[in-house]
Protein backbone atom coordinates (compact mmCIF):
# COMPACT_ATOMS: atom_id res chain seq x y z
CA UNK A 1 -0.03 -0.16 -0.31
CA UNK A 2 1.41 3.59 -0.86
CA UNK A 3 -0.30 5.56 1.46
CA UNK A 4 0.19 5.88 5.25
CA UNK A 5 -2.48 4.13 7.17
CA UNK A 6 -4.35 6.50 9.88
CA UNK A 7 -4.74 5.51 13.04
CA UNK A 8 -7.47 6.70 15.08
CA UNK A 9 -5.93 8.37 17.60
CA UNK A 10 -4.00 10.70 14.65
CA UNK A 11 -7.43 11.46 12.99
CA UNK A 12 -8.84 12.34 16.41
CA UNK A 13 -5.22 14.41 17.21
CA UNK A 14 -5.50 16.24 13.53
CA UNK A 15 -9.58 16.97 14.20
CA UNK A 16 -8.49 19.16 17.03
CA UNK A 17 -6.27 20.85 16.05
CA UNK A 18 -8.55 22.22 13.18
CA UNK A 19 -10.90 22.36 16.19
CA UNK A 20 -8.38 24.64 17.74
CA UNK A 21 -7.20 26.57 14.84
CA UNK A 22 -10.85 27.42 13.68
CA UNK A 23 -11.42 28.42 16.91
CA UNK A 24 -8.84 30.44 17.31
CA UNK A 25 -9.38 32.18 13.39
CA UNK A 26 -13.02 33.35 15.15
CA UNK A 27 -11.29 34.57 18.13
CA UNK A 28 -9.21 37.08 16.02
CA UNK A 29 -12.17 37.81 13.55
CA UNK A 30 -13.74 39.15 16.89
CA UNK A 31 -10.84 41.32 18.03
CA UNK A 32 -10.24 42.02 14.18
CA UNK A 33 -14.01 43.90 14.02
CA UNK A 34 -12.83 45.59 17.73
CA UNK A 35 -9.64 46.56 15.86
CA UNK A 36 -11.70 47.79 12.88
CA UNK A 37 -14.30 50.05 15.29
CA UNK A 38 -11.25 51.45 17.31
CA UNK A 39 -9.48 52.33 14.15
CA UNK A 40 -12.44 54.41 12.68
CA UNK A 41 -12.91 56.26 15.91
CA UNK A 42 -9.26 56.92 15.88
CA UNK A 43 -9.55 58.13 12.97
CA UNK A 44 -12.41 60.51 13.09
CA UNK A 45 -10.43 61.57 16.59
CA UNK A 46 -7.56 62.44 14.27
CA UNK A 47 -9.82 64.77 12.08
CA UNK A 48 -10.66 66.32 14.80
CA UNK A 49 -8.20 66.33 16.58
CA UNK A 50 -5.99 68.32 13.71
CA UNK A 51 -8.86 70.92 12.59
CA UNK A 52 -8.79 72.18 16.64
CA UNK A 53 -5.20 72.25 16.11
CA UNK A 54 -5.49 74.33 12.74
CA UNK A 55 -7.90 76.47 14.23
CA UNK A 56 -5.33 76.91 17.39
CA UNK A 57 -2.69 78.16 14.86
CA UNK A 58 -5.06 80.56 13.05
CA UNK A 59 -5.66 81.62 16.36
CA UNK A 60 -1.90 82.11 17.35
CA UNK A 61 -1.01 83.97 14.39
CA UNK A 62 -3.91 86.27 14.54
CA UNK A 63 -2.86 87.07 18.53
CA UNK A 64 0.76 87.44 17.44
CA UNK A 65 0.01 89.73 15.43
CA UNK A 66 -2.00 91.78 18.03
CA UNK A 67 0.86 91.25 20.54
CA UNK A 68 3.31 93.28 17.77
CA UNK A 69 0.39 95.75 17.39
CA UNK A 70 0.50 96.40 21.03
CA UNK A 71 -3.44 95.32 21.37
CA UNK A 72 -2.90 92.44 23.73
CA UNK A 73 -0.12 91.87 26.81
CA UNK A 74 2.39 89.11 26.91
CA UNK A 75 0.05 87.13 29.34
CA UNK A 76 -2.74 86.93 26.87
CA UNK A 77 -0.33 85.88 23.58
CA UNK A 78 1.05 82.74 26.13
CA UNK A 79 -2.54 81.59 26.59
CA UNK A 80 -2.66 81.44 22.43
CA UNK A 81 0.81 79.58 22.20
CA UNK A 82 -0.30 77.04 25.16
CA UNK A 83 -3.43 76.50 23.25
CA UNK A 84 -2.02 76.27 20.56
CA UNK A 85 1.10 73.82 22.01
CA UNK A 86 -1.78 71.90 23.50
CA UNK A 87 -3.91 71.25 20.38
CA UNK A 88 -0.24 70.23 18.82
CA UNK A 89 0.11 67.99 21.47
CA UNK A 90 -3.27 65.86 21.14
CA UNK A 91 -3.46 65.35 17.76
CA UNK A 92 0.20 63.83 17.23
CA UNK A 93 -1.82 61.47 20.40
CA UNK A 94 -4.74 60.91 18.06
CA UNK A 95 -2.80 60.25 15.15
CA UNK A 96 -0.16 57.93 17.77
CA UNK A 97 -3.82 55.85 18.56
CA UNK A 98 -4.56 55.46 14.86
CA UNK A 99 -0.85 54.45 13.75
CA UNK A 100 -1.33 51.76 16.70
CA UNK A 101 -4.92 50.67 15.94
CA UNK A 102 -3.22 49.89 12.51
CA UNK A 103 -0.08 48.06 13.51
CA UNK A 104 -2.68 46.03 15.75
CA UNK A 105 -5.26 45.40 12.78
CA UNK A 106 -1.61 43.99 10.73
CA UNK A 107 -0.66 42.02 13.13
CA UNK A 108 -3.75 40.14 13.75
CA UNK A 109 -4.33 39.93 9.91
CA UNK A 110 -1.18 37.97 10.07
CA UNK A 111 -2.20 35.50 13.10
CA UNK A 112 -5.48 35.15 10.48
CA UNK A 113 -3.34 34.33 7.46
CA UNK A 114 -1.00 31.97 9.44
CA UNK A 115 -4.05 29.55 10.48
CA UNK A 116 -5.24 29.72 6.76
CA UNK A 117 -2.12 28.60 5.64
CA UNK A 118 -1.96 26.14 8.42
CA UNK A 119 -5.86 25.02 7.42
CA UNK A 120 -5.39 24.85 3.65
CA UNK A 121 -1.65 22.88 4.59
CA UNK A 122 -1.01 18.89 4.86
CA UNK A 123 -3.17 18.23 7.46
CA UNK A 124 -1.96 14.83 8.28
CA UNK A 125 1.57 15.79 7.94
CA UNK A 126 3.55 16.08 11.51
CA UNK A 127 5.54 18.65 10.15
CA UNK A 128 2.94 20.73 9.82
CA UNK A 129 1.70 20.80 12.96
CA UNK A 130 5.13 21.10 14.89
CA UNK A 131 4.17 24.59 14.84
CA UNK A 132 0.95 25.01 16.60
């Protein structure tokens, strides 16, 4: 006989591995849904924060002109500088959150791809299962 005879234990073991991989795939899919939702929220936050930043930048430029003309004092001008710095930091934090969400999604996609490759591989070959 050219093929390998399968023992019942081998079949059960391989079946359980497939079930475990399938459960892991479902878990990763749920995590990906959450990650996509987080990324969407982060993108909205990025847009809002950068709009706030642009507004603060515009206000700072106006305040700078008024300060040079003597229409506002140094304390009031400093308030605009502080507000600009605060908005800039918030914008950068929001952008970082969006980038982190993208990185998380990529990692989850890699995990799903690995599972897919394992499920599509030769199920009964010991070499394919040693990595799980």
